[in-house]
Amino acid sequence: MHEITWAMPVVLDLFFAGLAAGAFCFAVLASRRGGEGFQACARAAAFLAPVSVGFGLSMLILDLRYKTRFWFTMTVFNSDSPMSLGVWLLTLFSVIAAVYAIFWMPAGLRERIPVIGRQQVWSRQRLRDALGLAGTPIALLVSIYTGVLLSATAIPLWRNLALPALFCFSSMATGFAASLLLALLFAPGKRHAIIAGPFNWLRASFRVLLPAYLLAALAYVLLFFVSEARRADVVPLITGRSGLIWWLGVVGVGIVVPLVIGLRKGKVSLATAYAVLGTLLVGGLLLRFVLVFTGQEHIIAQTYRLAQMP
């Protein structure tokens, strides 16, 4: 009987790569707004992006049974291979995110970086902003790629045109949430400014982003019902144990709950902010988890049944 080949490291790779893309986009957006709250969030997001994508890449390497395969993909560019394109895309994004983060380092810390740390280029805000704008399309491609990587495989549950869009919206939601959460945790003196400025701005943006995220999740399921031959492919995801994770975890906790809380008017408490940001992150992780494992378990079950046939 076959074993699951993509395990938890792949789930974490997909989650953190998408989160990094969303964090980078949030850093660029927040950097263009005034106020200490937005600047604190932009700095937190700028630091979060390279750390997250680096952790995601490390999970990808960890999952490879032959570690040299990763380095082999770096020496060969195959335009027909989603994995090869993805590795090069993630590597390019990692470099851009790392350089962008250096611009946000305090001068005293940045000057400790050998060779490049004392260069005057890091004090040029216009250059930092230009790099951010240039890197935003790359970040969006990374968020989409995490869905393309799955949809390009032979697993029936993953072959869905809505999956890249679903992962893109999820990446933006989790990246924005993680960046704000990081700023709240590591800049306690600016929490009031963060809640009053960036979090309220985020609530307004979520009134557009989260409904689009919800529609993408529903479209992903409904597309399986367009063709009668494909309806059975989605049944393992929306029923049973996986169904509970999908409907209650991904859709309920990860989208509906933060949307309802975010739509509430009035003053927002710190506990409310943590609840919104935390549910978004939990839902984003559960999305990758349930899709990766359910898709493979369905194929394993089908293979086992065929093997038992006389």
Protein backbone atom coordinates (compact mmCIF):
# COMPACT_ATOMS: atom_id res chain seq x y z
CA MET A 1 0.00 0.00 0.00
CA HIS A 2 1.27 3.50 -0.86
CA GLU A 3 2.33 5.97 1.82
CA ILE A 4 1.67 9.68 2.05
CA THR A 5 4.60 11.36 0.30
CA TRP A 6 3.84 14.99 1.18
CA ALA A 7 3.69 15.35 4.94
CA MET A 8 3.65 18.20 7.46
CA PRO A 9 6.85 19.89 6.16
CA VAL A 10 5.09 20.54 2.83
CA VAL A 11 2.06 21.97 4.68
CA LEU A 12 4.39 24.33 6.55
CA ASP A 13 6.24 25.24 3.35
CA LEU A 14 3.01 26.18 1.59
CA PHE A 15 1.78 28.11 4.65
CA PHE A 16 4.93 30.09 5.37
CA ALA A 17 5.73 30.81 1.72
CA GLY A 18 2.25 32.27 1.30
CA LEU A 19 2.49 34.13 4.61
CA ALA A 20 5.82 35.65 3.51
CA ALA A 21 4.25 36.91 0.29
CA GLY A 22 1.39 38.52 2.19
CA ALA A 23 3.76 40.04 4.75
CA PHE A 24 5.89 41.62 2.03
CA CYS A 25 2.83 43.15 0.36
CA PHE A 26 1.65 44.46 3.73
CA ALA A 27 5.07 46.00 4.42
CA VAL A 28 4.97 47.86 1.12
CA LEU A 29 1.41 49.11 1.71
CA ALA A 30 2.03 50.14 5.33
CA SER A 31 5.30 51.92 4.48
CA ARG A 32 3.39 54.33 2.27
CA ARG A 33 1.21 55.55 5.14
CA GLY A 34 2.24 57.92 7.90
CA GLY A 35 2.20 57.42 11.65
CA GLU A 36 4.26 55.39 14.07
CA GLY A 37 1.72 52.56 14.06
CA PHE A 38 2.02 51.97 10.32
CA GLN A 39 5.79 52.28 10.43
CA ALA A 40 6.03 49.72 13.25
CA CYS A 41 3.86 47.30 11.26
CA ALA A 42 5.82 47.90 8.06
CA ARG A 43 9.08 47.13 9.86
CA ALA A 44 7.65 43.98 11.46
CA ALA A 45 6.28 42.80 8.10
CA ALA A 46 9.56 43.53 6.32
CA PHE A 47 11.46 41.38 8.82
CA LEU A 48 8.80 38.66 8.80
CA ALA A 49 8.84 38.11 5.02
CA PRO A 50 12.43 36.78 4.58
CA VAL A 51 12.27 34.77 7.81
CA SER A 52 9.01 33.11 6.75
CA VAL A 53 10.09 32.27 3.21
CA GLY A 54 13.42 31.00 4.54
CA PHE A 55 11.63 28.72 6.99
CA GLY A 56 9.33 27.52 4.21
CA LEU A 57 12.28 26.66 1.99
CA SER A 58 13.93 24.79 4.85
CA MET A 59 10.75 22.72 5.27
CA LEU A 60 10.79 21.95 1.53
CA ILE A 61 14.39 20.75 1.75
CA LEU A 62 13.58 18.74 4.88
CA ASP A 63 10.78 16.93 3.06
CA LEU A 64 13.04 15.88 0.17
CA ARG A 65 14.25 12.33 0.62
CA TYR A 66 17.37 13.22 -1.33
CA LYS A 67 18.51 16.64 -0.10
CA THR A 68 20.70 17.21 -3.16
CA ARG A 69 17.56 17.46 -5.31
CA PHE A 70 17.04 21.01 -4.09
CA TRP A 71 20.51 22.10 -5.17
CA PHE A 72 20.04 20.29 -8.47
CA THR A 73 16.95 22.40 -9.21
CA MET A 74 19.09 25.49 -8.62
CA THR A 75 21.51 24.47 -11.37
CA VAL A 76 18.85 23.56 -13.95
CA PHE A 77 16.00 25.78 -15.11
CA ASN A 78 13.07 23.79 -16.49
CA SER A 79 10.22 26.00 -17.71
CA ASP A 80 7.94 22.95 -17.97
CA SER A 81 8.37 21.99 -14.32
CA PRO A 82 6.22 23.79 -11.71
CA MET A 83 8.68 22.67 -9.02
CA SER A 84 11.68 24.13 -10.88
CA LEU A 85 9.84 27.39 -11.55
CA GLY A 86 8.74 27.51 -7.94
CA VAL A 87 12.23 27.04 -6.51
CA TRP A 88 13.64 29.82 -8.69
CA LEU A 89 10.69 32.08 -7.87
CA LEU A 90 11.05 31.48 -4.13
CA THR A 91 14.80 32.07 -4.34
CA LEU A 92 14.32 35.37 -6.20
CA PHE A 93 11.69 36.46 -3.70
CA SER A 94 13.93 35.48 -0.79
CA VAL A 95 16.71 37.74 -2.08
CA ILE A 96 14.34 40.67 -2.65
CA ALA A 97 12.71 40.24 0.77
CA ALA A 98 16.10 40.00 2.51
CA VAL A 99 17.43 43.16 0.84
CA TYR A 100 14.18 44.99 1.57
CA ALA A 101 14.43 43.99 5.24
CA ILE A 102 17.94 45.48 5.47
CA PHE A 103 16.48 48.89 4.61
CA TRP A 104 14.30 48.62 7.73
CA MET A 105 17.08 47.66 10.13
CA PRO A 106 18.16 50.21 12.76
CA ALA A 107 21.40 51.84 11.61
CA GLY A 108 23.38 50.45 14.55
CA LEU A 109 22.34 46.89 13.78
CA ARG A 110 22.70 47.25 10.02
CA GLU A 111 26.27 48.51 10.31
CA ARG A 112 27.27 45.20 11.85
CA ILE A 113 26.62 43.42 8.56
CA PRO A 114 30.03 42.74 6.95
CA VAL A 115 30.98 44.58 3.74
CA ILE A 116 27.56 46.02 2.86
CA GLY A 117 26.30 47.20 6.24
CA ARG A 118 27.94 50.64 6.16
CA GLN A 119 26.91 51.55 2.62
CA GLN A 120 24.97 54.82 2.32
CA VAL A 121 22.47 53.24 -0.04
CA TRP A 122 20.42 51.90 2.89
CA SER A 123 19.41 55.39 3.96
CA ARG A 124 17.69 56.14 0.64
CA GLN A 125 13.98 55.77 1.26
CA ARG A 126 13.08 56.24 -2.40
CA LEU A 127 15.24 53.28 -3.34
CA ARG A 128 13.60 51.20 -0.60
CA ASP A 129 10.15 52.12 -1.89
CA ALA A 130 11.16 51.32 -5.47
CA LEU A 131 12.40 47.89 -4.40
CA GLY A 132 9.15 47.28 -2.55
CA LEU A 133 7.06 48.14 -5.61
CA ALA A 134 9.25 45.97 -7.84
CA GLY A 135 9.02 43.07 -5.41
CA THR A 136 5.25 43.19 -4.99
CA PRO A 137 4.45 41.37 -8.29
CA ILE A 138 7.01 38.72 -7.34
CA ALA A 139 5.33 38.31 -3.95
CA LEU A 140 1.92 37.95 -5.60
CA LEU A 141 3.33 35.29 -7.94
CA VAL A 142 4.66 33.42 -4.90
CA SER A 143 1.22 33.50 -3.28
CA ILE A 144 -0.36 32.15 -6.46
CA TYR A 145 2.39 29.59 -7.00
CA THR A 146 1.61 27.80 -3.75
CA GLY A 147 -1.75 26.91 -5.29
CA VAL A 148 -0.36 26.23 -8.78
CA LEU A 149 2.09 23.70 -7.32
CA LEU A 150 -0.81 21.58 -6.07
CA SER A 151 -3.14 22.12 -9.03
CA ALA A 152 -0.44 21.00 -11.47
CA THR A 153 -0.24 17.52 -9.92
CA ALA A 154 -2.31 14.44 -10.77
CA ILE A 155 -4.21 14.45 -7.45
CA PRO A 156 -7.90 14.92 -8.37
CA LEU A 157 -8.74 17.06 -5.31
CA TRP A 158 -5.98 19.51 -6.20
CA ARG A 159 -6.73 19.90 -9.90
CA ASN A 160 -8.99 22.91 -9.63
CA LEU A 161 -8.79 26.30 -11.37
CA ALA A 162 -9.87 28.14 -8.21
CA LEU A 163 -7.03 26.78 -6.05
CA PRO A 164 -4.38 29.39 -7.00
CA ALA A 165 -6.84 32.23 -6.28
CA LEU A 166 -7.85 30.59 -2.99
CA PHE A 167 -4.23 30.35 -1.89
CA CYS A 168 -3.53 33.91 -3.02
CA PHE A 169 -6.34 35.39 -0.90
CA SER A 170 -5.32 33.18 2.01
CA SER A 171 -1.70 34.30 1.69
CA MET A 172 -2.68 37.96 1.83
CA ALA A 173 -4.97 37.40 4.83
CA THR A 174 -2.41 35.41 6.83
CA GLY A 175 0.50 37.65 5.86
CA PHE A 176 -1.37 40.81 6.89
CA ALA A 177 -2.51 39.17 10.13
CA ALA A 178 0.91 37.81 11.09
CA SER A 179 2.58 41.15 10.43
CA LEU A 180 0.14 43.04 12.64
CA LEU A 181 0.35 40.39 15.34
CA LEU A 182 4.14 40.58 15.33
CA ALA A 183 4.03 44.36 15.65
CA LEU A 184 1.61 44.14 18.59
CA LEU A 185 3.81 41.61 20.37
CA PHE A 186 7.19 43.27 19.84
CA ALA A 187 6.20 46.94 19.97
CA PRO A 188 4.09 47.10 23.15
CA GLY A 189 4.61 50.82 23.52
CA LYS A 190 2.91 51.42 20.17
CA ARG A 191 -0.08 49.12 20.62
CA HIS A 192 -2.55 51.99 20.89
CA ALA A 193 -1.25 53.53 17.67
CA ILE A 194 -1.31 50.14 15.93
CA ILE A 195 -4.91 49.43 16.94
CA ALA A 196 -6.06 52.95 16.06
CA GLY A 197 -4.27 53.03 12.70
CA PRO A 198 -3.15 49.81 10.99
CA PHE A 199 -5.69 47.47 12.59
CA ASN A 200 -8.65 49.68 11.72
CA TRP A 201 -7.25 50.06 8.22
CA LEU A 202 -6.91 46.27 8.08
CA ARG A 203 -10.54 45.83 9.19
CA ALA A 204 -11.62 48.02 6.28
CA SER A 205 -9.50 46.06 3.80
CA PHE A 206 -10.81 42.76 5.16
CA ARG A 207 -14.34 43.83 4.21
CA VAL A 208 -13.17 43.30 0.64
CA LEU A 209 -10.45 40.67 1.04
CA LEU A 210 -12.32 38.22 3.27
CA PRO A 211 -15.51 38.07 1.16
CA ALA A 212 -13.29 37.42 -1.87
CA TYR A 213 -11.47 34.74 0.15
CA LEU A 214 -14.82 33.17 1.09
CA LEU A 215 -16.06 33.24 -2.51
CA ALA A 216 -12.83 31.58 -3.67
CA ALA A 217 -13.30 28.81 -1.08
CA LEU A 218 -16.90 28.23 -2.18
CA ALA A 219 -15.96 28.41 -5.87
CA TYR A 220 -13.27 25.80 -5.25
CA VAL A 221 -15.92 23.37 -3.97
CA LEU A 222 -18.59 24.27 -6.53
CA LEU A 223 -16.28 23.79 -9.52
CA PHE A 224 -16.19 20.08 -8.74
CA PHE A 225 -19.97 19.94 -9.25
CA VAL A 226 -19.82 21.46 -12.75
CA SER A 227 -18.78 18.06 -14.08
CA GLU A 228 -20.64 15.00 -12.86
CA ALA A 229 -17.48 12.93 -13.26
CA ARG A 230 -15.64 15.14 -10.76
CA ARG A 231 -18.21 15.36 -7.98
CA ALA A 232 -16.80 12.34 -6.18
CA ASP A 233 -13.36 14.00 -6.01
CA VAL A 234 -14.51 16.67 -3.54
CA VAL A 235 -16.65 14.43 -1.30
CA PRO A 236 -13.70 13.40 0.98
CA LEU A 237 -12.97 17.10 1.62
CA ILE A 238 -16.48 18.31 2.50
CA THR A 239 -17.69 15.29 4.49
CA GLY A 240 -16.51 13.35 7.54
CA ARG A 241 -13.48 14.38 9.55
CA SER A 242 -12.00 16.46 6.73
CA GLY A 243 -15.38 18.14 6.27
CA LEU A 244 -15.33 19.33 9.88
CA ILE A 245 -11.89 20.84 9.37
CA TRP A 246 -12.95 22.44 6.08
CA TRP A 247 -16.30 23.92 7.12
CA LEU A 248 -15.61 24.69 10.78
CA GLY A 249 -11.87 25.34 10.65
CA VAL A 250 -11.08 26.82 7.25
CA VAL A 251 -14.38 28.51 6.35
CA GLY A 252 -15.83 29.12 9.83
CA VAL A 253 -12.87 29.99 12.06
CA GLY A 254 -10.54 31.16 9.30
CA ILE A 255 -12.90 33.39 7.29
CA VAL A 256 -16.40 33.90 8.73
CA VAL A 257 -15.40 34.57 12.36
CA PRO A 258 -12.77 37.27 11.60
CA LEU A 259 -15.13 38.77 9.00
CA VAL A 260 -17.99 39.04 11.50
CA ILE A 261 -15.73 40.45 14.21
CA GLY A 262 -14.13 42.85 11.76
CA LEU A 263 -17.50 44.17 10.60
CA ARG A 264 -18.51 45.14 14.12
CA LYS A 265 -18.48 48.87 14.67
CA GLY A 266 -17.08 50.69 17.64
CA LYS A 267 -13.84 50.71 19.57
CA VAL A 268 -11.67 47.61 19.22
CA SER A 269 -9.96 46.06 22.23
CA LEU A 270 -6.59 44.36 22.18
CA ALA A 271 -8.27 41.01 22.86
CA THR A 272 -10.50 41.49 19.81
CA ALA A 273 -7.49 42.25 17.65
CA TYR A 274 -5.71 39.10 18.83
CA ALA A 275 -8.88 37.06 18.14
CA VAL A 276 -9.19 38.32 14.57
CA LEU A 277 -5.52 37.87 13.75
CA GLY A 278 -5.26 34.48 15.45
CA THR A 279 -8.30 32.99 13.69
CA LEU A 280 -6.98 34.09 10.30
CA LEU A 281 -3.67 32.32 10.92
CA VAL A 282 -5.32 29.14 12.21
CA GLY A 283 -7.64 29.02 9.21
CA GLY A 284 -4.79 29.54 6.75
CA LEU A 285 -2.78 26.69 8.26
CA LEU A 286 -5.81 24.37 8.34
CA LEU A 287 -6.48 25.13 4.66
CA ARG A 288 -3.08 23.77 3.62
CA PHE A 289 -3.29 20.91 6.10
CA VAL A 290 -6.67 19.55 5.02
CA LEU A 291 -5.98 19.89 1.30
CA VAL A 292 -2.54 18.25 1.39
CA PHE A 293 -3.55 15.27 3.51
CA THR A 294 -7.09 14.70 2.25
CA GLY A 295 -5.99 14.76 -1.38
CA GLN A 296 -3.36 12.10 -0.78
CA GLU A 297 -5.52 9.95 1.51
CA HIS A 298 -8.24 9.83 -1.15
CA ILE A 299 -5.77 8.53 -3.74
CA ILE A 300 -4.37 5.97 -1.29
CA ALA A 301 -7.86 4.70 -0.49
CA GLN A 302 -8.69 4.34 -4.18
CA THR A 303 -5.43 2.53 -4.87
CA TYR A 304 -6.04 0.15 -1.98
CA ARG A 305 -9.55 -0.68 -3.21
CA LEU A 306 -8.26 -1.38 -6.71
CA ALA A 307 -5.52 -3.62 -5.30
CA GLN A 308 -8.12 -5.68 -3.43
CA MET A 309 -10.22 -6.28 -6.52
CA PRO A 310 -9.95 -9.83 -7.95
